[in-house]
Amino acid sequence: MTTAVHQLDDGAWVSVNDSREVNVSDLWRLARHDFCPCRLADFLAEGFVEVGADGAAVEARVAGQCIQCGSSGVTDWLTLGHVDAETAEFRPVVPASVHVPGRRRRLATPP
């Protein structure tokens, strides 16, 4: 199953399979990150910089700032949610939960 993922409105929204699903302005809790010096960052999302799908996971690099220390920049890849393989329904994660940004997982490309 192919998942179509796009940025809309200058990075304010992420569209999954032609439906607006995730918008900016959420506060994300980030742990084990390189974004700022805070052990647990309260990251205010201000814009989606890069989006993609890797299997069922919908991921993005997000611009914003830590509201604790004021650092601003772009995160590593965050999982925004997953697409159900049978129904194609998008199931978002809860931004207020603790998330660990990381490098984007890449699917193997056939030779």
C-alpha atoms as a PDB file:
ATOM      1  CA  MET A   1       0.000   0.000   0.000  1.00  0.00           C
ATOM      2  CA  THR A   2       1.308   3.436  -0.943  1.00  0.00           C
ATOM      3  CA  THR A   3       0.809   6.352   1.441  1.00  0.00           C
ATOM      4  CA  ALA A   4       0.711   9.883  -0.014  1.00  0.00           C
ATOM      5  CA  VAL A   5       2.215  12.421   2.402  1.00  0.00           C
ATOM      6  CA  HIS A   6       2.491  16.149   1.624  1.00  0.00           C
ATOM      7  CA  GLN A   7       3.123  19.480   3.325  1.00  0.00           C
ATOM      8  CA  LEU A   8       0.348  22.038   2.877  1.00  0.00           C
ATOM      9  CA  ASP A   9       0.034  25.779   3.547  1.00  0.00           C
ATOM     10  CA  ASP A  10       3.768  26.523   3.750  1.00  0.00           C
ATOM     11  CA  GLY A  11       4.411  23.689   6.206  1.00  0.00           C
ATOM     12  CA  ALA A  12       1.449  24.367   8.507  1.00  0.00           C
ATOM     13  CA  TRP A  13      -0.273  21.039   7.781  1.00  0.00           C
ATOM     14  CA  VAL A  14       0.633  17.480   6.867  1.00  0.00           C
ATOM     15  CA  SER A  15      -1.731  15.753   4.469  1.00  0.00           C
ATOM     16  CA  VAL A  16      -1.951  11.952   4.574  1.00  0.00           C
ATOM     17  CA  ASN A  17      -3.717  10.312   1.634  1.00  0.00           C
ATOM     18  CA  ASP A  18      -5.228  13.676   0.602  1.00  0.00           C
ATOM     19  CA  SER A  19      -6.650  14.488   4.046  1.00  0.00           C
ATOM     20  CA  ARG A  20      -5.322  17.215   6.380  1.00  0.00           C
ATOM     21  CA  GLU A  21      -4.254  15.251   9.433  1.00  0.00           C
ATOM     22  CA  VAL A  22      -1.557  17.015  11.484  1.00  0.00           C
ATOM     23  CA  ASN A  23      -1.093  20.742  12.037  1.00  0.00           C
ATOM     24  CA  VAL A  24       1.568  22.827  13.748  1.00  0.00           C
ATOM     25  CA  SER A  25       1.279  24.599  17.098  1.00  0.00           C
ATOM     26  CA  ASP A  26       1.206  21.385  19.129  1.00  0.00           C
ATOM     27  CA  LEU A  27       3.524  21.065  22.094  1.00  0.00           C
ATOM     28  CA  TRP A  28       5.667  17.920  21.782  1.00  0.00           C
ATOM     29  CA  ARG A  29       7.611  16.327  24.645  1.00  0.00           C
ATOM     30  CA  LEU A  30      11.027  15.237  23.359  1.00  0.00           C
ATOM     31  CA  ALA A  31      13.429  12.898  25.164  1.00  0.00           C
ATOM     32  CA  ARG A  32      16.887  11.629  24.140  1.00  0.00           C
ATOM     33  CA  HIS A  33      17.202  14.384  21.548  1.00  0.00           C
ATOM     34  CA  ASP A  34      19.920  16.667  20.191  1.00  0.00           C
ATOM     35  CA  PHE A  35      17.602  19.647  19.796  1.00  0.00           C
ATOM     36  CA  CYS A  36      18.525  21.605  22.933  1.00  0.00           C
ATOM     37  CA  PRO A  37      20.234  21.126  26.317  1.00  0.00           C
ATOM     38  CA  CYS A  38      16.991  20.276  28.152  1.00  0.00           C
ATOM     39  CA  ARG A  39      16.718  16.651  29.299  1.00  0.00           C
ATOM     40  CA  LEU A  40      13.011  16.633  28.416  1.00  0.00           C
ATOM     41  CA  ALA A  41      12.209  19.382  25.904  1.00  0.00           C
ATOM     42  CA  ASP A  42       8.822  21.081  25.616  1.00  0.00           C
ATOM     43  CA  PHE A  43       8.985  21.630  21.869  1.00  0.00           C
ATOM     44  CA  LEU A  44       6.504  24.013  20.220  1.00  0.00           C
ATOM     45  CA  ALA A  45       6.022  22.937  16.587  1.00  0.00           C
ATOM     46  CA  GLU A  46       6.050  25.926  14.206  1.00  0.00           C
ATOM     47  CA  GLY A  47       6.345  24.302  10.781  1.00  0.00           C
ATOM     48  CA  PHE A  48       6.897  21.029   8.987  1.00  0.00           C
ATOM     49  CA  VAL A  49      10.209  21.134   7.128  1.00  0.00           C
ATOM     50  CA  GLU A  50      10.261  17.678   5.577  1.00  0.00           C
ATOM     51  CA  VAL A  51       7.683  14.867   5.584  1.00  0.00           C
ATOM     52  CA  GLY A  52       7.655  11.267   4.446  1.00  0.00           C
ATOM     53  CA  ALA A  53       6.234   7.815   4.924  1.00  0.00           C
ATOM     54  CA  ASP A  54       8.253   4.751   5.753  1.00  0.00           C
ATOM     55  CA  GLY A  55       5.996   1.736   5.651  1.00  0.00           C
ATOM     56  CA  ALA A  56       3.033   2.522   7.882  1.00  0.00           C
ATOM     57  CA  ALA A  57       4.842   5.319   9.757  1.00  0.00           C
ATOM     58  CA  VAL A  58       4.275   8.955   8.769  1.00  0.00           C
ATOM     59  CA  GLU A  59       7.281  11.022   9.830  1.00  0.00           C
ATOM     60  CA  ALA A  60       8.422  14.637   9.736  1.00  0.00           C
ATOM     61  CA  ARG A  61      11.257  16.958  10.614  1.00  0.00           C
ATOM     62  CA  VAL A  62       9.711  19.898  12.422  1.00  0.00           C
ATOM     63  CA  ALA A  63      10.884  23.480  12.962  1.00  0.00           C
ATOM     64  CA  GLY A  64      10.125  25.083  16.289  1.00  0.00           C
ATOM     65  CA  GLN A  65      11.464  26.031  19.675  1.00  0.00           C
ATOM     66  CA  CYS A  66      11.852  24.678  23.186  1.00  0.00           C
ATOM     67  CA  ILE A  67       9.655  26.753  25.457  1.00  0.00           C
ATOM     68  CA  GLN A  68      11.872  25.916  28.459  1.00  0.00           C
ATOM     69  CA  CYS A  69      15.241  27.186  27.225  1.00  0.00           C
ATOM     70  CA  GLY A  70      14.292  29.133  24.075  1.00  0.00           C
ATOM     71  CA  SER A  71      16.436  27.091  21.664  1.00  0.00           C
ATOM     72  CA  SER A  72      15.050  26.992  18.138  1.00  0.00           C
ATOM     73  CA  GLY A  73      15.796  24.834  15.144  1.00  0.00           C
ATOM     74  CA  VAL A  74      14.667  21.655  13.397  1.00  0.00           C
ATOM     75  CA  THR A  75      14.144  18.238  14.996  1.00  0.00           C
ATOM     76  CA  ASP A  76      15.325  14.912  13.716  1.00  0.00           C
ATOM     77  CA  TRP A  77      12.519  12.712  12.335  1.00  0.00           C
ATOM     78  CA  LEU A  78       9.421  12.457  14.547  1.00  0.00           C
ATOM     79  CA  THR A  79       6.708   9.870  14.025  1.00  0.00           C
ATOM     80  CA  LEU A  80       3.418  11.727  13.508  1.00  0.00           C
ATOM     81  CA  GLY A  81       1.284   8.595  13.285  1.00  0.00           C
ATOM     82  CA  HIS A  82       0.660   5.369  11.422  1.00  0.00           C
ATOM     83  CA  VAL A  83      -1.545   4.306   8.527  1.00  0.00           C
ATOM     84  CA  ASP A  84      -3.569   1.139   9.039  1.00  0.00           C
ATOM     85  CA  ALA A  85      -2.669  -1.308   6.242  1.00  0.00           C
ATOM     86  CA  GLU A  86      -6.201  -2.681   5.929  1.00  0.00           C
ATOM     87  CA  THR A  87      -8.322   0.464   6.207  1.00  0.00           C
ATOM     88  CA  ALA A  88      -5.793   3.138   5.110  1.00  0.00           C
ATOM     89  CA  GLU A  89      -6.962   5.140   8.148  1.00  0.00           C
ATOM     90  CA  PHE A  90      -4.377   7.490   9.668  1.00  0.00           C
ATOM     91  CA  ARG A  91      -3.888   7.163  13.422  1.00  0.00           C
ATOM     92  CA  PRO A  92      -1.953  10.103  14.881  1.00  0.00           C
ATOM     93  CA  VAL A  93       0.317   9.868  17.897  1.00  0.00           C
ATOM     94  CA  VAL A  94      -0.424  11.987  20.969  1.00  0.00           C
ATOM     95  CA  PRO A  95       2.025  14.942  20.879  1.00  0.00           C
ATOM     96  CA  ALA A  96       1.851  15.352  24.687  1.00  0.00           C
ATOM     97  CA  SER A  97       3.313  11.850  25.102  1.00  0.00           C
ATOM     98  CA  VAL A  98       7.085  11.554  25.250  1.00  0.00           C
ATOM     99  CA  HIS A  99       8.692  11.150  21.801  1.00  0.00           C
ATOM    100  CA  VAL A 100      12.226  10.280  20.752  1.00  0.00           C
ATOM    101  CA  PRO A 101      13.326  11.903  17.483  1.00  0.00           C
ATOM    102  CA  GLY A 102      15.705   9.930  15.317  1.00  0.00           C
ATOM    103  CA  ARG A 103      17.078   9.346  11.894  1.00  0.00           C
ATOM    104  CA  ARG A 104      14.497   8.399   9.315  1.00  0.00           C
ATOM    105  CA  ARG A 105      14.207   4.715   8.697  1.00  0.00           C
ATOM    106  CA  ARG A 106      14.832   3.938   5.045  1.00  0.00           C
ATOM    107  CA  LEU A 107      13.282   1.056   3.172  1.00  0.00           C
ATOM    108  CA  ALA A 108      15.638  -1.009   1.089  1.00  0.00           C
ATOM    109  CA  THR A 109      15.581  -0.074  -2.568  1.00  0.00           C
ATOM    110  CA  PRO A 110      15.530  -2.963  -5.033  1.00  0.00           C
ATOM    111  CA  PRO A 111      18.632  -3.234  -7.251  1.00  0.00           C
END
